[in-house]
């Protein structure tokens, strides 16, 4: 057997949501934006296609400058990644030695645990209350890195802002706030960067900007933090086509704002309709909802929807066994989902 690090051998691999390879499945399981990027983005690819024999800009200068305008920071406060997952990985490799501690919530983005295990880090899982919310700031002196997601999956709600800020103030380690879904919420945490040098905000273009297939993410932090992270970042980690698409996407904010507003409207209708169908549904500030059917086990609902060619997400996690996570799709997709649920519910009556 090849010599494989023990921590890798002992790590269950991260399991992404199903990517169907056939049929006309309604895909509401991976929190992708249901709408394609605006057509106006596509012409920028033509010029880049003729340059694929050349390496891309290794530091994504134009993309970072454009992002800086959107985020209201200087471009030297931005690091680019092959999706936001790349930024998370870079942060761990920069600030955490194997054996040191990484902290994160007991129900959150499951990749945090996978990355920690593969790195050989110790883990501290921070309990949340019955509403999957922070009940106090995180006091974990041994943590070199604390991961938060806000809005936090799979719930979809912002974490308590007061406690997040207090954690930044009290901890001696690095705090990462993963804002993958923040464009669907009413506020963000960019202002906290002015107060805390130990804070890294993480953004992605996969969700709000309909570029999940392009893989572009950002870390936003102080210059001193990014100076160290850039030593770890792989050269040319964002390809030429992805840089061009992401830059153009930032230049079409009005188009995207219309998409975000539409998703919010559909989310509101989805939550109301599910409650009418006898579900407990948390309010959401993301492009998905966490819902618990009162009339069927969630695992059975997941399976029966799958048989009807509607994909949602079910997690075999002890705290959310009674829930399914449903991405906000287009209005016709949500109509199909609700129609199928109504049929399944009637069959059990």
Protein backbone atom coordinates (compact mmCIF):
# COMPACT_ATOMS: atom_id res chain seq x y z
CA UNK A 1 0.00 0.00 0.00
CA UNK A 2 1.18 3.49 -0.77
CA UNK A 3 2.32 5.55 2.18
CA UNK A 4 -0.72 7.69 2.89
CA UNK A 5 -0.99 10.11 5.78
CA UNK A 6 -3.04 8.58 8.58
CA UNK A 7 -5.28 11.63 8.83
CA UNK A 8 -6.19 11.23 5.14
CA UNK A 9 -6.90 7.51 5.49
CA UNK A 10 -9.19 8.23 8.44
CA UNK A 11 -11.11 11.07 6.78
CA UNK A 12 -14.49 10.34 5.18
CA UNK A 13 -14.47 12.18 1.88
CA UNK A 14 -16.69 15.23 1.44
CA UNK A 15 -19.89 14.23 -0.34
CA UNK A 16 -21.29 16.95 -2.63
CA UNK A 17 -24.94 17.03 -3.58
CA UNK A 18 -25.94 14.71 -6.40
CA UNK A 19 -25.18 15.97 -9.89
CA UNK A 20 -27.64 14.03 -12.09
CA UNK A 21 -26.31 12.66 -15.35
CA UNK A 22 -29.60 11.86 -17.05
CA UNK A 23 -33.27 12.69 -17.30
CA UNK A 24 -35.29 15.80 -16.55
CA UNK A 25 -34.72 15.95 -12.81
CA UNK A 26 -35.78 19.11 -11.01
CA UNK A 27 -32.52 19.96 -9.28
CA UNK A 28 -33.12 21.64 -5.90
CA UNK A 29 -30.29 20.02 -3.95
CA UNK A 30 -27.05 21.99 -4.37
CA UNK A 31 -28.01 25.66 -3.86
CA UNK A 32 -26.99 26.68 -7.35
CA UNK A 33 -28.54 29.79 -8.80
CA UNK A 34 -31.43 28.52 -10.96
CA UNK A 35 -30.92 31.31 -13.50
CA UNK A 36 -28.03 31.41 -15.99
CA UNK A 37 -25.68 34.41 -16.00
CA UNK A 38 -26.81 37.37 -18.11
CA UNK A 39 -26.17 36.85 -21.81
CA UNK A 40 -24.04 40.01 -21.84
CA UNK A 41 -21.25 38.14 -20.02
CA UNK A 42 -20.65 35.59 -22.75
CA UNK A 43 -18.91 37.74 -25.41
CA UNK A 44 -15.95 38.30 -23.06
CA UNK A 45 -15.01 34.66 -23.51
CA UNK A 46 -14.28 34.98 -27.21
CA UNK A 47 -11.17 37.07 -26.75
CA UNK A 48 -9.89 34.84 -23.97
CA UNK A 49 -10.36 31.65 -25.99
CA UNK A 50 -7.69 32.81 -28.41
CA UNK A 51 -5.24 33.17 -25.48
CA UNK A 52 -5.62 29.77 -23.87
CA UNK A 53 -2.01 28.95 -24.79
CA UNK A 54 -0.97 31.66 -22.30
CA UNK A 55 -1.07 31.52 -18.53
CA UNK A 56 -3.71 33.70 -16.86
CA UNK A 57 -2.84 36.68 -14.69
CA UNK A 58 -1.44 34.94 -11.58
CA UNK A 59 -2.78 37.59 -9.19
CA UNK A 60 -6.10 38.29 -10.98
CA UNK A 61 -5.40 42.03 -11.03
CA UNK A 62 -8.41 43.18 -13.08
CA UNK A 63 -10.78 40.85 -11.25
CA UNK A 64 -9.55 42.00 -7.85
CA UNK A 65 -9.78 45.66 -8.84
CA UNK A 66 -13.35 45.15 -10.03
CA UNK A 67 -14.29 43.20 -6.91
CA UNK A 68 -12.74 45.92 -4.74
CA UNK A 69 -15.18 48.45 -6.18
CA UNK A 70 -18.13 46.20 -5.34
CA UNK A 71 -16.89 45.40 -1.83
CA UNK A 72 -15.72 48.92 -1.01
CA UNK A 73 -12.17 47.90 -0.08
CA UNK A 74 -8.75 48.24 -1.69
CA UNK A 75 -7.70 45.54 -4.14
CA UNK A 76 -4.76 44.54 -1.91
CA UNK A 77 -7.35 43.41 0.66
CA UNK A 78 -8.62 40.71 -1.72
CA UNK A 79 -7.24 37.26 -2.51
CA UNK A 80 -8.74 35.12 -5.26
CA UNK A 81 -9.41 31.40 -5.23
CA UNK A 82 -10.69 28.47 -7.24
CA UNK A 83 -14.05 28.87 -5.59
CA UNK A 84 -14.46 29.88 -1.95
CA UNK A 85 -13.48 26.35 -0.89
CA UNK A 86 -9.97 27.15 -2.11
CA UNK A 87 -9.87 30.17 0.20
CA UNK A 88 -10.90 28.01 3.16
CA UNK A 89 -8.12 25.57 2.35
CA UNK A 90 -5.56 28.35 1.99
CA UNK A 91 -6.57 29.75 5.37
CA UNK A 92 -6.05 26.41 7.10
CA UNK A 93 -2.67 25.85 5.45
CA UNK A 94 -1.57 29.37 6.36
CA UNK A 95 -2.61 29.60 10.01
CA UNK A 96 -2.96 26.07 11.43
CA UNK A 97 -0.21 23.54 12.07
CA UNK A 98 -1.25 19.87 12.04
CA UNK A 99 -2.44 19.03 15.54
CA UNK A 100 -3.60 22.57 16.31
CA UNK A 101 -7.27 23.37 16.74
CA UNK A 102 -9.91 24.50 14.27
CA UNK A 103 -13.34 25.39 15.67
CA UNK A 104 -16.70 25.48 13.90
CA UNK A 105 -20.38 25.04 14.74
CA UNK A 106 -21.97 21.66 15.29
CA UNK A 107 -24.31 22.16 12.33
CA UNK A 108 -22.76 24.11 9.47
CA UNK A 109 -21.06 23.64 6.10
CA UNK A 110 -19.70 20.11 6.35
CA UNK A 111 -16.56 20.83 4.31
CA UNK A 112 -15.03 22.61 7.32
CA UNK A 113 -14.73 19.28 9.11
CA UNK A 114 -13.33 17.50 6.06
CA UNK A 115 -10.65 20.13 5.52
CA UNK A 116 -9.67 20.04 9.20
CA UNK A 117 -9.39 16.24 9.22
CA UNK A 118 -7.33 16.06 6.03
CA UNK A 119 -4.96 18.68 7.43
CA UNK A 120 -4.51 16.66 10.60
CA UNK A 121 -5.93 19.41 12.79
CA UNK A 122 -7.79 18.93 16.05
CA UNK A 123 -11.43 19.96 15.96
CA UNK A 124 -13.66 21.76 18.41
CA UNK A 125 -17.34 21.61 17.52
CA UNK A 126 -19.23 24.49 19.09
CA UNK A 127 -22.79 23.63 20.15
CA UNK A 128 -25.66 25.79 18.98
CA UNK A 129 -29.05 26.10 20.66
CA UNK A 130 -32.32 24.52 19.57
CA UNK A 131 -32.70 27.12 16.86
CA UNK A 132 -29.20 26.32 15.52
CA UNK A 133 -28.11 29.74 16.73
CA UNK A 134 -25.18 31.01 18.76
CA UNK A 135 -26.12 31.55 22.39
CA UNK A 136 -22.91 33.44 23.22
CA UNK A 137 -19.57 34.47 21.70
CA UNK A 138 -17.14 31.64 21.00
CA UNK A 139 -14.49 31.45 23.70
CA UNK A 140 -11.97 28.88 22.50
CA UNK A 141 -8.43 30.00 23.42
CA UNK A 142 -6.82 26.98 21.75
CA UNK A 143 -8.43 27.62 18.35
CA UNK A 144 -6.02 28.94 15.74
CA UNK A 145 -8.92 29.30 13.30
CA UNK A 146 -12.68 29.62 13.84
CA UNK A 147 -15.04 29.03 10.91
CA UNK A 148 -18.47 30.64 10.80
CA UNK A 149 -20.92 30.70 7.92
CA UNK A 150 -23.40 33.56 7.95
CA UNK A 151 -26.01 32.92 6.63
CA UNK A 152 -25.30 29.48 8.06
CA UNK A 153 -26.24 26.32 6.18
CA UNK A 154 -28.30 24.27 6.30
CA UNK A 155 -30.53 26.67 8.26
CA UNK A 156 -30.04 29.70 6.02
CA UNK A 157 -30.08 32.38 8.73
CA UNK A 158 -27.45 34.92 9.73
CA UNK A 159 -25.69 34.11 12.98
CA UNK A 160 -26.02 36.55 15.86
CA UNK A 161 -23.97 39.54 14.73
CA UNK A 162 -23.21 40.73 18.26
CA UNK A 163 -21.70 37.35 19.15
CA UNK A 164 -19.72 37.17 15.91
CA UNK A 165 -18.17 40.55 16.58
CA UNK A 166 -17.46 39.66 20.22
CA UNK A 167 -15.71 36.50 19.03
CA UNK A 168 -13.48 38.55 16.74
CA UNK A 169 -12.64 40.85 19.65
CA UNK A 170 -11.91 38.11 22.17
CA UNK A 171 -10.13 35.40 20.19
CA UNK A 172 -6.37 35.29 19.64
CA UNK A 173 -6.81 33.27 16.43
CA UNK A 174 -8.19 33.97 12.98
CA UNK A 175 -11.95 34.23 12.45
CA UNK A 176 -13.38 33.30 9.05
CA UNK A 177 -16.92 34.40 8.22
CA UNK A 178 -18.08 32.55 5.13
CA UNK A 179 -20.61 34.74 3.32
CA UNK A 180 -21.43 32.41 0.43
CA UNK A 181 -25.15 33.32 0.59
CA UNK A 182 -24.97 36.92 1.71
CA UNK A 183 -26.40 38.44 -1.51
CA UNK A 184 -29.74 36.87 -0.63
CA UNK A 185 -29.72 38.46 2.85
CA UNK A 186 -30.36 42.01 4.05
CA UNK A 187 -26.85 42.79 5.35
CA UNK A 188 -23.24 41.62 5.32
CA UNK A 189 -20.20 41.90 7.61
CA UNK A 190 -17.86 43.97 5.45
CA UNK A 191 -17.83 46.80 7.98
CA UNK A 192 -16.21 44.53 10.59
CA UNK A 193 -13.01 44.45 8.50
CA UNK A 194 -12.35 48.03 9.58
CA UNK A 195 -12.20 46.93 13.23
CA UNK A 196 -10.60 43.46 13.27
CA UNK A 197 -7.31 42.50 11.65
CA UNK A 198 -7.90 38.85 12.53
CA UNK A 199 -11.05 38.60 10.38
CA UNK A 200 -11.30 37.02 6.92
CA UNK A 201 -14.54 37.31 4.95
CA UNK A 202 -15.10 34.70 2.27
CA UNK A 203 -17.25 35.24 -0.81
CA UNK A 204 -18.10 33.12 -3.84
CA UNK A 205 -19.50 33.78 -7.30
CA UNK A 206 -21.09 30.34 -7.43
CA UNK A 207 -24.41 31.21 -5.81
CA UNK A 208 -25.49 34.79 -6.38
CA UNK A 209 -23.59 35.30 -9.63
CA UNK A 210 -24.62 32.05 -11.36
CA UNK A 211 -21.00 30.98 -11.92
CA UNK A 212 -20.83 27.70 -10.01
CA UNK A 213 -19.25 26.09 -13.08
CA UNK A 214 -16.50 28.72 -13.27
CA UNK A 215 -15.20 28.34 -9.69
CA UNK A 216 -14.30 31.82 -8.43
CA UNK A 217 -14.06 32.84 -4.78
CA UNK A 218 -12.53 35.61 -2.70
CA UNK A 219 -11.00 36.19 0.68
CA UNK A 220 -11.26 39.74 2.02
CA UNK A 221 -8.97 40.67 4.89
CA UNK A 222 -6.20 42.96 6.09
CA UNK A 223 -3.09 43.32 3.95
CA UNK A 224 -0.95 41.65 6.61
CA UNK A 225 -3.18 38.55 6.65
CA UNK A 226 -3.31 38.26 2.87
CA UNK A 227 0.43 38.71 2.54
CA UNK A 228 0.84 35.37 4.34
CA UNK A 229 -2.06 33.65 2.54
CA UNK A 230 -0.63 34.57 -0.85
CA UNK A 231 2.51 32.59 0.01
CA UNK A 232 0.30 29.50 0.27
CA UNK A 233 -2.01 30.18 -2.68
CA UNK A 234 -1.25 28.10 -5.75
CA UNK A 235 -0.01 30.08 -8.73
CA UNK A 236 -2.62 30.52 -11.47
CA UNK A 237 -5.37 29.17 -9.22
CA UNK A 238 -8.08 31.02 -11.19
CA UNK A 239 -8.07 30.28 -14.91
CA UNK A 240 -8.30 32.82 -17.72
CA UNK A 241 -11.94 32.16 -18.64
CA UNK A 242 -13.11 32.26 -15.03
CA UNK A 243 -11.34 35.58 -14.43
CA UNK A 244 -12.99 37.13 -17.50
CA UNK A 245 -16.47 35.86 -16.62
CA UNK A 246 -16.25 36.94 -12.99
CA UNK A 247 -14.99 40.41 -13.90
CA UNK A 248 -17.85 40.86 -16.36
CA UNK A 249 -20.36 39.59 -13.80
CA UNK A 250 -19.37 42.32 -11.35
CA UNK A 251 -20.00 44.85 -14.12
CA UNK A 252 -23.64 43.78 -14.43
CA UNK A 253 -24.88 44.33 -10.90
CA UNK A 254 -28.29 45.57 -12.04
CA UNK A 255 -28.98 42.36 -13.94
CA UNK A 256 -28.03 40.29 -10.91
CA UNK A 257 -30.05 42.43 -8.51
CA UNK A 258 -33.14 41.50 -10.50
CA UNK A 259 -32.23 37.82 -10.17
CA UNK A 260 -31.65 38.15 -6.40
CA UNK A 261 -34.98 39.89 -5.96
CA UNK A 262 -36.73 37.15 -7.92
CA UNK A 263 -35.12 34.43 -5.79
CA UNK A 264 -36.20 36.24 -2.62
CA UNK A 265 -39.77 36.43 -3.88
CA UNK A 266 -39.79 32.74 -4.79
CA UNK A 267 -38.24 31.88 -1.41
CA UNK A 268 -41.04 33.69 0.39
CA UNK A 269 -43.67 31.81 -1.63
CA UNK A 270 -41.89 28.49 -1.04
CA UNK A 271 -41.80 28.98 2.74
CA UNK A 272 -45.48 29.97 2.90
CA UNK A 273 -46.56 27.09 0.66
CA UNK A 274 -44.56 24.48 2.61
CA UNK A 275 -46.10 25.68 5.87
CA UNK A 276 -49.52 25.33 4.28
CA UNK A 277 -48.54 21.74 3.41
CA UNK A 278 -47.86 20.99 7.08
CA UNK A 279 -44.11 21.56 7.21
CA UNK A 280 -42.12 23.30 9.90
CA UNK A 281 -39.91 25.72 7.98
CA UNK A 282 -37.25 28.04 9.31
CA UNK A 283 -37.14 31.57 7.93
CA UNK A 284 -34.21 31.90 5.52
CA UNK A 285 -31.82 34.58 4.32
CA UNK A 286 -30.21 32.31 1.73
CA UNK A 287 -31.27 30.68 -1.54
CA UNK A 288 -32.54 27.57 0.25
CA UNK A 289 -34.83 26.59 3.10
CA UNK A 290 -34.63 23.93 5.80
CA UNK A 291 -37.98 22.22 6.20
CA UNK A 292 -39.37 19.39 8.33
CA UNK A 293 -42.51 17.56 7.15
CA UNK A 294 -44.87 16.71 10.00
CA UNK A 295 -46.61 13.90 8.12
CA UNK A 296 -43.73 11.79 6.78
CA UNK A 297 -40.14 11.07 7.84
CA UNK A 298 -37.81 13.45 6.03
CA UNK A 299 -35.71 10.58 4.68
CA UNK A 300 -38.80 9.03 3.10
CA UNK A 301 -39.85 12.35 1.60
CA UNK A 302 -36.39 12.73 0.07
CA UNK A 303 -36.61 9.25 -1.47
CA UNK A 304 -40.15 9.66 -2.77
CA UNK A 305 -39.37 13.04 -4.31
CA UNK A 306 -36.31 11.47 -5.96
CA UNK A 307 -38.54 8.78 -7.45
CA UNK A 308 -40.72 11.57 -8.87
CA UNK A 309 -37.61 13.20 -10.38
CA UNK A 310 -37.36 16.04 -7.88
CA UNK A 311 -34.02 16.32 -6.09
CA UNK A 312 -33.72 17.90 -2.64
CA UNK A 313 -30.95 17.37 -0.07
CA UNK A 314 -31.10 15.08 2.95
CA UNK A 315 -28.29 15.02 5.51
CA UNK A 316 -27.67 12.04 7.76
CA UNK A 317 -26.74 14.31 10.66
CA UNK A 318 -28.26 13.53 14.08
CA UNK A 319 -29.53 17.07 14.65
CA UNK A 320 -31.28 17.46 11.30
CA UNK A 321 -32.58 13.96 10.57
CA UNK A 322 -36.11 15.35 10.46
CA UNK A 323 -35.33 17.96 7.79
CA UNK A 324 -34.72 18.31 4.08
CA UNK A 325 -32.93 21.25 2.52
CA UNK A 326 -34.57 22.68 -0.56
CA UNK A 327 -32.82 25.09 -2.92
CA UNK A 328 -34.89 27.94 -4.31
CA UNK A 329 -35.43 27.15 -7.98
CA UNK A 330 -37.32 28.90 -10.73
CA UNK A 331 -41.04 29.45 -10.27
CA UNK A 332 -41.91 26.49 -12.56
CA UNK A 333 -39.48 24.24 -10.62
CA UNK A 334 -40.96 25.24 -7.28
CA UNK A 335 -44.46 24.71 -8.67
CA UNK A 336 -43.43 21.18 -9.71
CA UNK A 337 -41.95 20.54 -6.24
CA UNK A 338 -45.06 21.74 -4.40
CA UNK A 339 -47.38 19.87 -6.74
CA UNK A 340 -45.41 16.66 -6.14
CA UNK A 341 -45.43 17.13 -2.36
CA UNK A 342 -49.17 17.77 -2.42
CA UNK A 343 -49.65 14.52 -4.36
CA UNK A 344 -47.46 12.52 -1.96
CA UNK A 345 -49.29 13.97 1.04
CA UNK A 346 -52.66 13.08 -0.46
CA UNK A 347 -51.49 9.52 -1.05
CA UNK A 348 -50.86 9.14 2.70
CA UNK A 349 -54.20 10.56 3.76
